[in-house]
PDB file of N, CA and C in Angstrom:
ATOM      1  N   MET A   1     138.771  93.075  94.538  1.00  0.00           N
ATOM      2  CA  MET A   1     137.793  92.618  93.591  1.00  0.00           C
ATOM      3  C   MET A   1     137.707  93.634  92.454  1.00  0.00           C
ATOM      4  N   LYS A   2     137.754  93.139  91.233  1.00  0.00           N
ATOM      5  CA  LYS A   2     137.705  94.008  90.064  1.00  0.00           C
ATOM      6  C   LYS A   2     136.268  94.350  89.708  1.00  0.00           C
ATOM      7  N   TRP A   3     136.109  95.442  88.955  1.00  0.00           N
ATOM      8  CA  TRP A   3     134.779  95.921  88.583  1.00  0.00           C
ATOM      9  C   TRP A   3     133.994  94.834  87.835  1.00  0.00           C
ATOM     10  N   GLN A   4     134.647  94.076  86.975  1.00  0.00           N
ATOM     11  CA  GLN A   4     133.956  93.061  86.188  1.00  0.00           C
ATOM     12  C   GLN A   4     133.433  91.919  87.061  1.00  0.00           C
ATOM     13  N   GLU A   5     133.987  91.730  88.241  1.00  0.00           N
ATOM     14  CA  GLU A   5     133.597  90.625  89.110  1.00  0.00           C
ATOM     15  C   GLU A   5     132.370  90.940  89.968  1.00  0.00           C
ATOM     16  N   TYR A   6     132.001  92.216  90.069  1.00  0.00           N
ATOM     17  CA  TYR A   6     130.834  92.580  90.871  1.00  0.00           C
ATOM     18  C   TYR A   6     129.558  92.083  90.188  1.00  0.00           C
ATOM     19  N   PRO A   7     128.580  91.664  90.969  1.00  0.00           N
ATOM     20  CA  PRO A   7     127.291  91.298  90.369  1.00  0.00           C
ATOM     21  C   PRO A   7     126.612  92.525  89.753  1.00  0.00           C
ATOM     22  N   ARG A   8     125.730  92.264  88.807  1.00  0.00           N
ATOM     23  CA  ARG A   8     125.084  93.351  88.074  1.00  0.00           C
ATOM     24  C   ARG A   8     124.298  94.286  89.001  1.00  0.00           C
ATOM     25  N   ASN A   9     123.574  93.742  89.977  1.00  0.00           N
ATOM     26  CA  ASN A   9     122.778  94.598  90.862  1.00  0.00           C
ATOM     27  C   ASN A   9     123.657  95.514  91.708  1.00  0.00           C
ATOM     28  N   ILE A  10     124.843  95.063  92.094  1.00  0.00           N
ATOM     29  CA  ILE A  10     125.768  95.912  92.854  1.00  0.00           C
ATOM     30  C   ILE A  10     126.301  97.031  91.965  1.00  0.00           C
ATOM     31  N   LYS A  11     126.617  96.726  90.734  1.00  0.00           N
ATOM     32  CA  LYS A  11     127.089  97.754  89.803  1.00  0.00           C
ATOM     33  C   LYS A  11     126.028  98.834  89.598  1.00  0.00           C
ATOM     34  N   VAL A  12     124.784  98.399  89.392  1.00  0.00           N
ATOM     35  CA  VAL A  12     123.702  99.354  89.176  1.00  0.00           C
ATOM     36  C   VAL A  12     123.528 100.226  90.407  1.00  0.00           C
ATOM     37  N   ARG A  13     123.567  99.621  91.579  1.00  0.00           N
ATOM     38  CA  ARG A  13     123.395 100.390  92.810  1.00  0.00           C
ATOM     39  C   ARG A  13     124.528 101.404  93.005  1.00  0.00           C
ATOM     40  N   LEU A  14     125.755 101.008  92.729  1.00  0.00           N
ATOM     41  CA  LEU A  14     126.884 101.930  92.866  1.00  0.00           C
ATOM     42  C   LEU A  14     126.787 103.095  91.878  1.00  0.00           C
ATOM     43  N   ILE A  15     126.429 102.794  90.641  1.00  0.00           N
ATOM     44  CA  ILE A  15     126.333 103.838  89.621  1.00  0.00           C
ATOM     45  C   ILE A  15     125.200 104.805  89.941  1.00  0.00           C
ATOM     46  N   THR A  16     124.029 104.282  90.300  1.00  0.00           N
ATOM     47  CA  THR A  16     122.905 105.171  90.615  1.00  0.00           C
ATOM     48  C   THR A  16     123.168 105.980  91.877  1.00  0.00           C
ATOM     49  N   SER A  17     123.838 105.387  92.851  1.00  0.00           N
ATOM     50  CA  SER A  17     124.185 106.126  94.061  1.00  0.00           C
ATOM     51  C   SER A  17     125.141 107.275  93.737  1.00  0.00           C
ATOM     52  N   PHE A  18     126.101 107.018  92.876  1.00  0.00           N
ATOM     53  CA  PHE A  18     127.042 108.055  92.475  1.00  0.00           C
ATOM     54  C   PHE A  18     126.317 109.224  91.817  1.00  0.00           C
ATOM     55  N   PHE A  19     125.444 108.930  90.849  1.00  0.00           N
ATOM     56  CA  PHE A  19     124.737 109.998  90.150  1.00  0.00           C
ATOM     57  C   PHE A  19     123.769 110.730  91.074  1.00  0.00           C
ATOM     58  N   ASN A  20     123.133 110.004  91.961  1.00  0.00           N
ATOM     59  CA  ASN A  20     122.218 110.630  92.913  1.00  0.00           C
ATOM     60  C   ASN A  20     122.962 111.630  93.801  1.00  0.00           C
ATOM     61  N   ARG A  21     124.097 111.237  94.315  1.00  0.00           N
ATOM     62  CA  ARG A  21     124.879 112.137  95.177  1.00  0.00           C
ATOM     63  C   ARG A  21     125.479 113.297  94.391  1.00  0.00           C
ATOM     64  N   ALA A  22     125.912 113.036  93.169  1.00  0.00           N
ATOM     65  CA  ALA A  22     126.489 114.103  92.347  1.00  0.00           C
ATOM     66  C   ALA A  22     125.446 115.170  92.020  1.00  0.00           C
ATOM     67  N   VAL A  23     124.261 114.733  91.645  1.00  0.00           N
ATOM     68  CA  VAL A  23     123.198 115.683  91.308  1.00  0.00           C
ATOM     69  C   VAL A  23     122.756 116.443  92.559  1.00  0.00           C
ATOM     70  N   SER A  24     122.630 115.742  93.679  1.00  0.00           N
ATOM     71  CA  SER A  24     122.247 116.417  94.921  1.00  0.00           C
ATOM     72  C   SER A  24     123.272 117.465  95.318  1.00  0.00           C
ATOM     73  N   SER A  25     124.527 117.132  95.190  1.00  0.00           N
ATOM     74  CA  SER A  25     125.581 118.080  95.538  1.00  0.00           C
ATOM     75  C   SER A  25     125.613 119.271  94.587  1.00  0.00           C
ATOM     76  N   ALA A  26     125.213 119.066  93.357  1.00  0.00           N
ATOM     77  CA  ALA A  26     125.212 120.155  92.386  1.00  0.00           C
ATOM     78  C   ALA A  26     123.999 121.067  92.561  1.00  0.00           C
ATOM     79  N   VAL A  27     122.880 120.518  93.020  1.00  0.00           N
ATOM     80  CA  VAL A  27     121.640 121.279  93.094  1.00  0.00           C
ATOM     81  C   VAL A  27     121.464 121.981  94.437  1.00  0.00           C
ATOM     82  N   MET A  28     121.913 121.377  95.514  1.00  0.00           N
ATOM     83  CA  MET A  28     121.634 121.889  96.859  1.00  0.00           C
ATOM     84  C   MET A  28     122.103 123.332  97.073  1.00  0.00           C
ATOM     85  N   PRO A  29     123.281 123.746  96.648  1.00  0.00           N
ATOM     86  CA  PRO A  29     123.682 125.149  96.857  1.00  0.00           C
ATOM     87  C   PRO A  29     122.752 126.139  96.148  1.00  0.00           C
ATOM     88  N   PHE A  30     122.281 125.780  94.960  1.00  0.00           N
ATOM     89  CA  PHE A  30     121.387 126.673  94.235  1.00  0.00           C
ATOM     90  C   PHE A  30     120.005 126.709  94.874  1.00  0.00           C
ATOM     91  N   MET A  31     119.577 125.582  95.451  1.00  0.00           N
ATOM     92  CA  MET A  31     118.318 125.587  96.191  1.00  0.00           C
ATOM     93  C   MET A  31     118.423 126.519  97.387  1.00  0.00           C
ATOM     94  N   ALA A  32     119.561 126.500  98.059  1.00  0.00           N
ATOM     95  CA  ALA A  32     119.756 127.377  99.217  1.00  0.00           C
ATOM     96  C   ALA A  32     119.668 128.843  98.802  1.00  0.00           C
ATOM     97  N   LEU A  33     120.297 129.192  97.703  1.00  0.00           N
ATOM     98  CA  LEU A  33     120.233 130.581  97.220  1.00  0.00           C
ATOM     99  C   LEU A  33     118.806 130.972  96.828  1.00  0.00           C
ATOM    100  N   PHE A  34     118.116 130.066  96.149  1.00  0.00           N
ATOM    101  CA  PHE A  34     116.743 130.352  95.725  1.00  0.00           C
ATOM    102  C   PHE A  34     115.827 130.537  96.931  1.00  0.00           C
ATOM    103  N   PHE A  35     115.903 129.609  97.896  1.00  0.00           N
ATOM    104  CA  PHE A  35     115.043 129.712  99.074  1.00  0.00           C
ATOM    105  C   PHE A  35     115.387 130.949  99.905  1.00  0.00           C
ATOM    106  N   ALA A  36     116.662 131.297  99.990  1.00  0.00           N
ATOM    107  CA  ALA A  36     117.051 132.478 100.757  1.00  0.00           C
ATOM    108  C   ALA A  36     116.432 133.734 100.159  1.00  0.00           C
ATOM    109  N   GLU A  37     116.348 133.779  98.857  1.00  0.00           N
ATOM    110  CA  GLU A  37     115.764 134.943  98.200  1.00  0.00           C
ATOM    111  C   GLU A  37     114.236 134.937  98.287  1.00  0.00           C
ATOM    112  N   GLU A  38     113.629 133.764  98.210  1.00  0.00           N
ATOM    113  CA  GLU A  38     112.160 133.670  98.169  1.00  0.00           C
ATOM    114  C   GLU A  38     111.512 133.738  99.551  1.00  0.00           C
ATOM    115  N   ILE A  39     112.058 133.014 100.533  1.00  0.00           N
ATOM    116  CA  ILE A  39     111.387 132.931 101.837  1.00  0.00           C
ATOM    117  C   ILE A  39     112.209 133.510 102.981  1.00  0.00           C
ATOM    118  N   GLY A  40     113.383 134.028 102.681  1.00  0.00           N
ATOM    119  CA  GLY A  40     114.220 134.625 103.721  1.00  0.00           C
ATOM    120  C   GLY A  40     115.359 133.692 104.124  1.00  0.00           C
ATOM    121  N   LYS A  41     116.404 134.297 104.608  1.00  0.00           N
ATOM    122  CA  LYS A  41     117.608 133.543 104.940  1.00  0.00           C
ATOM    123  C   LYS A  41     117.406 132.578 106.099  1.00  0.00           C
ATOM    124  N   VAL A  42     116.748 133.027 107.145  1.00  0.00           N
ATOM    125  CA  VAL A  42     116.558 132.183 108.332  1.00  0.00           C
ATOM    126  C   VAL A  42     115.662 130.997 108.003  1.00  0.00           C
ATOM    127  N   ALA A  43     114.545 131.245 107.333  1.00  0.00           N
ATOM    128  CA  ALA A  43     113.622 130.169 106.982  1.00  0.00           C
ATOM    129  C   ALA A  43     114.282 129.179 106.024  1.00  0.00           C
ATOM    130  N   ALA A  44     115.056 129.684 105.078  1.00  0.00           N
ATOM    131  CA  ALA A  44     115.746 128.808 104.137  1.00  0.00           C
ATOM    132  C   ALA A  44     116.778 127.947 104.861  1.00  0.00           C
ATOM    133  N   GLY A  45     117.496 128.557 105.783  1.00  0.00           N
ATOM    134  CA  GLY A  45     118.481 127.795 106.556  1.00  0.00           C
ATOM    135  C   GLY A  45     117.835 126.723 107.401  1.00  0.00           C
ATOM    136  N   MET A  46     116.726 127.060 108.040  1.00  0.00           N
ATOM    137  CA  MET A  46     116.014 126.064 108.851  1.00  0.00           C
ATOM    138  C   MET A  46     115.482 124.925 107.988  1.00  0.00           C
ATOM    139  N   PHE A  47     114.943 125.262 106.820  1.00  0.00           N
ATOM    140  CA  PHE A  47     114.428 124.243 105.915  1.00  0.00           C
ATOM    141  C   PHE A  47     115.532 123.304 105.449  1.00  0.00           C
ATOM    142  N   LEU A  48     116.671 123.856 105.075  1.00  0.00           N
ATOM    143  CA  LEU A  48     117.764 123.019 104.584  1.00  0.00           C
ATOM    144  C   LEU A  48     118.370 122.179 105.710  1.00  0.00           C
ATOM    145  N   ILE A  49     118.467 122.729 106.904  1.00  0.00           N
ATOM    146  CA  ILE A  49     118.940 121.942 108.044  1.00  0.00           C
ATOM    147  C   ILE A  49     117.976 120.794 108.321  1.00  0.00           C
ATOM    148  N   PHE A  50     116.675 121.097 108.300  1.00  0.00           N
ATOM    149  CA  PHE A  50     115.653 120.073 108.500  1.00  0.00           C
ATOM    150  C   PHE A  50     115.780 118.967 107.448  1.00  0.00           C
ATOM    151  N   THR A  51     116.011 119.351 106.193  1.00  0.00           N
ATOM    152  CA  THR A  51     116.156 118.376 105.114  1.00  0.00           C
ATOM    153  C   THR A  51     117.355 117.459 105.361  1.00  0.00           C
ATOM    154  N   VAL A  52     118.482 118.026 105.742  1.00  0.00           N
ATOM    155  CA  VAL A  52     119.682 117.230 105.991  1.00  0.00           C
ATOM    156  C   VAL A  52     119.482 116.297 107.185  1.00  0.00           C
ATOM    157  N   VAL A  53     118.864 116.793 108.247  1.00  0.00           N
ATOM    158  CA  VAL A  53     118.617 115.957 109.430  1.00  0.00           C
ATOM    159  C   VAL A  53     117.681 114.799 109.080  1.00  0.00           C
ATOM    160  N   MET A  54     116.632 115.075 108.320  1.00  0.00           N
ATOM    161  CA  MET A  54     115.696 114.015 107.932  1.00  0.00           C
ATOM    162  C   MET A  54     116.386 112.969 107.054  1.00  0.00           C
ATOM    163  N   LEU A  55     117.245 113.415 106.148  1.00  0.00           N
ATOM    164  CA  LEU A  55     117.990 112.460 105.320  1.00  0.00           C
ATOM    165  C   LEU A  55     118.918 111.598 106.171  1.00  0.00           C
ATOM    166  N   TYR A  56     119.498 112.186 107.205  1.00  0.00           N
ATOM    167  CA  TYR A  56     120.372 111.439 108.108  1.00  0.00           C
ATOM    168  C   TYR A  56     119.584 110.343 108.827  1.00  0.00           C
ATOM    169  N   PHE A  57     118.431 110.710 109.398  1.00  0.00           N
ATOM    170  CA  PHE A  57     117.631 109.718 110.109  1.00  0.00           C
ATOM    171  C   PHE A  57     117.063 108.671 109.162  1.00  0.00           C
ATOM    172  N   ARG A  58     116.727 109.081 107.951  1.00  0.00           N
ATOM    173  CA  ARG A  58     116.253 108.113 106.962  1.00  0.00           C
ATOM    174  C   ARG A  58     117.342 107.094 106.631  1.00  0.00           C
ATOM    175  N   SER A  59     118.581 107.570 106.516  1.00  0.00           N
ATOM    176  CA  SER A  59     119.670 106.642 106.205  1.00  0.00           C
ATOM    177  C   SER A  59     119.912 105.678 107.364  1.00  0.00           C
ATOM    178  N   LEU A  60     119.753 106.157 108.602  1.00  0.00           N
ATOM    179  CA  LEU A  60     119.881 105.253 109.748  1.00  0.00           C
ATOM    180  C   LEU A  60     118.790 104.202 109.747  1.00  0.00           C
ATOM    181  N   ALA A  61     117.559 104.622 109.498  1.00  0.00           N
ATOM    182  CA  ALA A  61     116.438 103.683 109.466  1.00  0.00           C
ATOM    183  C   ALA A  61     116.592 102.707 108.310  1.00  0.00           C
ATOM    184  N   LYS A  62     117.083 103.189 107.197  1.00  0.00           N
ATOM    185  CA  LYS A  62     117.285 102.322 106.037  1.00  0.00           C
ATOM    186  C   LYS A  62     118.329 101.264 106.342  1.00  0.00           C
ATOM    187  N   LYS A  63     119.409 101.667 106.995  1.00  0.00           N
ATOM    188  CA  LYS A  63     120.456 100.714 107.358  1.00  0.00           C
ATOM    189  C   LYS A  63     119.916  99.677 108.334  1.00  0.00           C
ATOM    190  N   GLU A  64     119.192 100.138 109.335  1.00  0.00           N
ATOM    191  CA  GLU A  64     118.640  99.216 110.335  1.00  0.00           C
ATOM    192  C   GLU A  64     117.643  98.266 109.695  1.00  0.00           C
ATOM    193  N   SER A  65     116.819  98.768 108.784  1.00  0.00           N
ATOM    194  CA  SER A  65     115.819  97.894 108.185  1.00  0.00           C
ATOM    195  C   SER A  65     116.470  96.868 107.263  1.00  0.00           C
ATOM    196  N   THR A  66     117.568  97.227 106.616  1.00  0.00           N
ATOM    197  CA  THR A  66     118.237  96.250 105.752  1.00  0.00           C
ATOM    198  C   THR A  66     119.001  95.234 106.588  1.00  0.00           C
ATOM    199  N   ASP A  67     119.419  95.624 107.781  1.00  0.00           N
ATOM    200  CA  ASP A  67     120.069  94.672 108.679  1.00  0.00           C
ATOM    201  C   ASP A  67     119.058  93.770 109.360  1.00  0.00           C
ATOM    202  N   GLY A  68     117.808  94.157 109.348  1.00  0.00           N
ATOM    203  CA  GLY A  68     116.762  93.373 109.984  1.00  0.00           C
ATOM    204  C   GLY A  68     116.613  93.651 111.454  1.00  0.00           C
ATOM    205  N   ASN A  69     117.185  94.746 111.960  1.00  0.00           N
ATOM    206  CA  ASN A  69     117.157  95.060 113.383  1.00  0.00           C
ATOM    207  C   ASN A  69     116.287  96.279 113.694  1.00  0.00           C
ATOM    208  N   LEU A  70     115.370  96.627 112.816  1.00  0.00           N
ATOM    209  CA  LEU A  70     114.613  97.856 113.002  1.00  0.00           C
ATOM    210  C   LEU A  70     113.714  97.795 114.232  1.00  0.00           C
ATOM    211  N   PHE A  71     113.014  96.701 114.451  1.00  0.00           N
ATOM    212  CA  PHE A  71     112.055  96.622 115.532  1.00  0.00           C
ATOM    213  C   PHE A  71     112.512  95.718 116.661  1.00  0.00           C
ATOM    214  N   VAL A  72     113.804  95.531 116.783  1.00  0.00           N
ATOM    215  CA  VAL A  72     114.330  94.667 117.854  1.00  0.00           C
ATOM    216  C   VAL A  72     114.664  95.502 119.065  1.00  0.00           C
TER     217      VAL A  72
END
């Protein structure tokens, strides 16, 4: 399927997803450095691990809710 054949809402979702991931990937390393300096290396590492784990579970819940199987 060519790019022109995709519906408009799919194009918007793909483009925004790309920019969201690109910005997150660009910012996260600097956040780690900032937090390591401000609150300590161990606390910064725990915070960033917690953030990644929460994003993982959120993506699972989001997938399940869009499939309609969240409360089954």
